[in-house]
């Protein structure tokens, strides 16, 4: 083999190595970029889910607070339970409830499993609000009024129980958002 032919074969071998290295580098780079893109999408989804869950809880807390405050008045200062305090309660709940439902819809659009778990918690709140609302509108008989007042007093205890579990629920939902987010 002459020197020119050897150089030619060396050049071909070098070109094949360079081409192979380039192809492998591009494949690895594409895989890495795809993985980064997927990780970024997942992180964005997790943040959107966490933000939506936080919004749900902010309205949840607003409604729970309105219930807690009104039932506290019924239990500890019944003479202050008047048309104005009832109207204030109604306004607060009617302001926050559609916002809560909208925030829940956003959670549902991101993750139905999280929505279902939150919905169970919301059902407790809805039931408590329903009990309070019905008690506030009891018929005017003495017996009905007394029964409604006792129901409001019992509702204060339920509102306090709910208040105690909410911070833990927030923490659990936020902690599980990453693992529950759809990839």
Protein backbone atom coordinates (compact mmCIF):
# COMPACT_ATOMS: atom_id res chain seq x y z
CA UNK A 1 0.00 0.00 0.00
CA UNK A 2 1.38 3.33 -0.90
CA UNK A 3 1.45 6.36 1.31
CA UNK A 4 -1.30 8.24 -0.55
CA UNK A 5 -3.69 5.33 -0.32
CA UNK A 6 -2.94 4.96 3.41
CA UNK A 7 -3.64 8.64 3.93
CA UNK A 8 -6.85 8.27 1.98
CA UNK A 9 -7.99 5.33 4.17
CA UNK A 10 -7.00 7.28 7.27
CA UNK A 11 -9.03 10.24 6.10
CA UNK A 12 -12.05 8.01 5.45
CA UNK A 13 -11.69 6.37 8.87
CA UNK A 14 -11.43 9.81 10.49
CA UNK A 15 -14.52 11.01 8.62
CA UNK A 16 -16.49 7.91 9.69
CA UNK A 17 -15.45 8.43 13.32
CA UNK A 18 -16.33 12.14 13.15
CA UNK A 19 -19.69 11.39 11.52
CA UNK A 20 -20.49 8.65 14.03
CA UNK A 21 -19.50 10.90 16.93
CA UNK A 22 -21.66 13.68 15.54
CA UNK A 23 -24.68 11.36 15.14
CA UNK A 24 -24.28 9.96 18.66
CA UNK A 25 -23.87 13.47 20.10
CA UNK A 26 -27.02 14.65 18.32
CA UNK A 27 -29.02 11.64 19.51
CA UNK A 28 -27.90 12.17 23.11
CA UNK A 29 -28.52 15.90 22.85
CA UNK A 30 -32.03 15.34 21.47
CA UNK A 31 -32.82 12.87 24.26
CA UNK A 32 -31.52 15.30 26.88
CA UNK A 33 -33.55 18.18 25.42
CA UNK A 34 -36.67 16.01 25.30
CA UNK A 35 -36.12 14.99 28.94
CA UNK A 36 -35.60 18.64 29.94
CA UNK A 37 -38.74 19.63 28.06
CA UNK A 38 -40.78 16.89 29.73
CA UNK A 39 -39.40 17.86 33.15
CA UNK A 40 -40.25 21.51 32.50
CA UNK A 41 -43.79 20.57 31.41
CA UNK A 42 -44.20 18.44 34.52
CA UNK A 43 -42.88 21.23 36.77
CA UNK A 44 -45.24 23.74 35.15
CA UNK A 45 -48.16 21.34 35.61
CA UNK A 46 -47.26 20.79 39.26
CA UNK A 47 -47.06 24.54 39.86
CA UNK A 48 -50.40 25.10 38.13
CA UNK A 49 -51.97 22.34 40.22
CA UNK A 50 -50.50 23.72 43.45
CA UNK A 51 -51.66 27.23 42.57
CA UNK A 52 -55.17 26.02 41.83
CA UNK A 53 -55.31 23.97 45.03
CA UNK A 54 -54.13 27.02 46.99
CA UNK A 55 -56.90 29.08 45.41
CA UNK A 56 -59.48 26.44 46.36
CA UNK A 57 -58.29 26.51 49.95
CA UNK A 58 -58.32 30.31 50.12
CA UNK A 59 -62.03 30.35 49.26
CA UNK A 60 -62.64 27.31 51.42
CA UNK A 61 -61.11 29.14 54.39
CA UNK A 62 -63.21 32.24 53.64
CA UNK A 63 -66.44 30.24 53.74
CA UNK A 64 -65.35 28.25 56.78
CA UNK A 65 -64.49 31.49 58.58
CA UNK A 66 -67.91 32.97 57.82
CA UNK A 67 -69.58 29.84 59.20
CA UNK A 68 -67.27 29.78 62.21
CA UNK A 69 -67.92 33.43 63.03
CA UNK A 70 -71.69 33.26 62.70
CA UNK A 71 -71.99 30.05 64.70
CA UNK A 72 -69.65 31.50 67.35
CA UNK A 73 -72.04 34.42 67.71
CA UNK A 74 -74.97 31.98 68.04
CA UNK A 75 -73.15 30.05 70.75
CA UNK A 76 -71.46 32.79 72.74
CA UNK A 77 -73.36 36.00 72.00
CA UNK A 78 -76.83 35.00 70.78
CA UNK A 79 -78.24 38.50 71.27
CA UNK A 80 -75.83 39.69 68.56
CA UNK A 81 -77.27 37.24 66.04
CA UNK A 82 -79.38 39.70 64.11
CA UNK A 83 -80.43 40.41 60.55
CA UNK A 84 -77.20 42.32 59.89
CA UNK A 85 -74.92 39.45 60.97
CA UNK A 86 -77.01 36.99 58.95
CA UNK A 87 -76.84 39.26 55.89
CA UNK A 88 -73.07 39.61 56.33
CA UNK A 89 -72.77 35.82 56.50
CA UNK A 90 -74.89 35.38 53.38
CA UNK A 91 -72.86 37.99 51.49
CA UNK A 92 -69.51 36.42 52.43
CA UNK A 93 -70.60 32.92 51.49
CA UNK A 94 -72.34 34.01 48.29
CA UNK A 95 -69.22 35.96 47.31
CA UNK A 96 -66.81 33.08 47.96
CA UNK A 97 -68.89 30.09 46.84
CA UNK A 98 -68.82 30.74 43.05
CA UNK A 99 -65.11 31.47 43.30
CA UNK A 100 -64.59 28.19 45.12
CA UNK A 101 -66.56 26.34 42.45
CA UNK A 102 -64.53 28.01 39.70
CA UNK A 103 -61.28 27.13 41.42
CA UNK A 104 -62.49 23.54 41.75
CA UNK A 105 -63.21 23.48 38.01
CA UNK A 106 -59.64 24.58 37.37
CA UNK A 107 -58.34 21.76 39.59
CA UNK A 108 -60.57 19.30 37.71
CA UNK A 109 -59.06 20.45 34.42
CA UNK A 110 -55.58 19.72 35.77
CA UNK A 111 -56.16 16.51 37.73
CA UNK A 112 -59.44 14.69 38.33
CA UNK A 113 -58.04 12.61 41.20
CA UNK A 114 -57.06 15.72 43.15
CA UNK A 115 -60.44 17.24 42.31
CA UNK A 116 -62.24 14.15 43.67
CA UNK A 117 -60.27 14.27 46.91
CA UNK A 118 -60.90 18.01 47.30
CA UNK A 119 -64.57 17.50 46.48
CA UNK A 120 -64.92 15.18 49.47
CA UNK A 121 -63.57 17.92 51.70
CA UNK A 122 -65.81 20.50 50.03
CA UNK A 123 -68.86 18.30 50.68
CA UNK A 124 -68.20 18.70 54.41
CA UNK A 125 -68.17 22.46 53.95
CA UNK A 126 -71.30 22.45 51.77
CA UNK A 127 -73.16 20.31 54.32
CA UNK A 128 -72.15 22.65 57.13
CA UNK A 129 -73.19 25.73 55.15
CA UNK A 130 -76.51 24.07 54.29
CA UNK A 131 -77.16 23.28 57.97
CA UNK A 132 -76.36 26.85 59.01
CA UNK A 133 -78.43 28.39 56.20
CA UNK A 134 -81.46 26.23 57.04
CA UNK A 135 -81.09 26.96 60.76
CA UNK A 136 -81.00 30.69 60.09
CA UNK A 137 -84.28 30.44 58.22
CA UNK A 138 -86.19 28.31 60.74
CA UNK A 139 -89.91 28.92 61.01
CA UNK A 140 -90.89 31.48 63.61
CA UNK A 141 -92.28 29.08 66.24
CA UNK A 142 -90.53 29.04 69.59
CA UNK A 143 -89.70 25.34 69.30
CA UNK A 144 -88.32 25.68 65.79
CA UNK A 145 -86.29 28.74 66.76
CA UNK A 146 -84.81 26.96 69.78
CA UNK A 147 -83.99 23.86 67.72
CA UNK A 148 -82.37 26.03 65.05
CA UNK A 149 -80.34 27.88 67.68
CA UNK A 150 -79.10 24.57 69.13
CA UNK A 151 -78.20 23.41 65.60
CA UNK A 152 -76.17 26.60 65.11
CA UNK A 153 -74.34 25.95 68.38
CA UNK A 154 -73.53 22.37 67.25
CA UNK A 155 -72.43 23.75 63.91
CA UNK A 156 -69.83 25.89 65.67
CA UNK A 157 -68.18 22.70 66.93
CA UNK A 158 -68.23 21.24 63.41
CA UNK A 159 -66.77 24.46 62.01
CA UNK A 160 -63.96 24.32 64.58
CA UNK A 161 -63.24 20.68 63.70
CA UNK A 162 -63.03 21.63 60.05
CA UNK A 163 -60.78 24.57 60.88
CA UNK A 164 -58.37 22.26 62.69
CA UNK A 165 -58.00 19.83 59.78
CA UNK A 166 -57.68 22.42 57.01
CA UNK A 167 -54.01 23.35 57.50
CA UNK A 168 -53.05 19.67 57.49
CA UNK A 169 -55.15 19.12 54.37
CA UNK A 170 -53.44 22.03 52.60
CA UNK A 171 -50.03 20.60 53.46
CA UNK A 172 -51.00 17.12 52.26
CA UNK A 173 -52.40 18.36 48.97
CA UNK A 174 -49.36 20.53 48.30
CA UNK A 175 -46.94 17.73 49.18
CA UNK A 176 -48.72 15.25 46.94
CA UNK A 177 -49.10 17.60 43.97
CA UNK A 178 -45.82 16.55 42.38
CA UNK A 179 -46.48 12.85 42.57
CA UNK A 180 -50.12 13.22 41.56
CA UNK A 181 -49.52 15.55 38.63
CA UNK A 182 -50.06 13.88 35.29
CA UNK A 183 -46.87 13.56 33.29
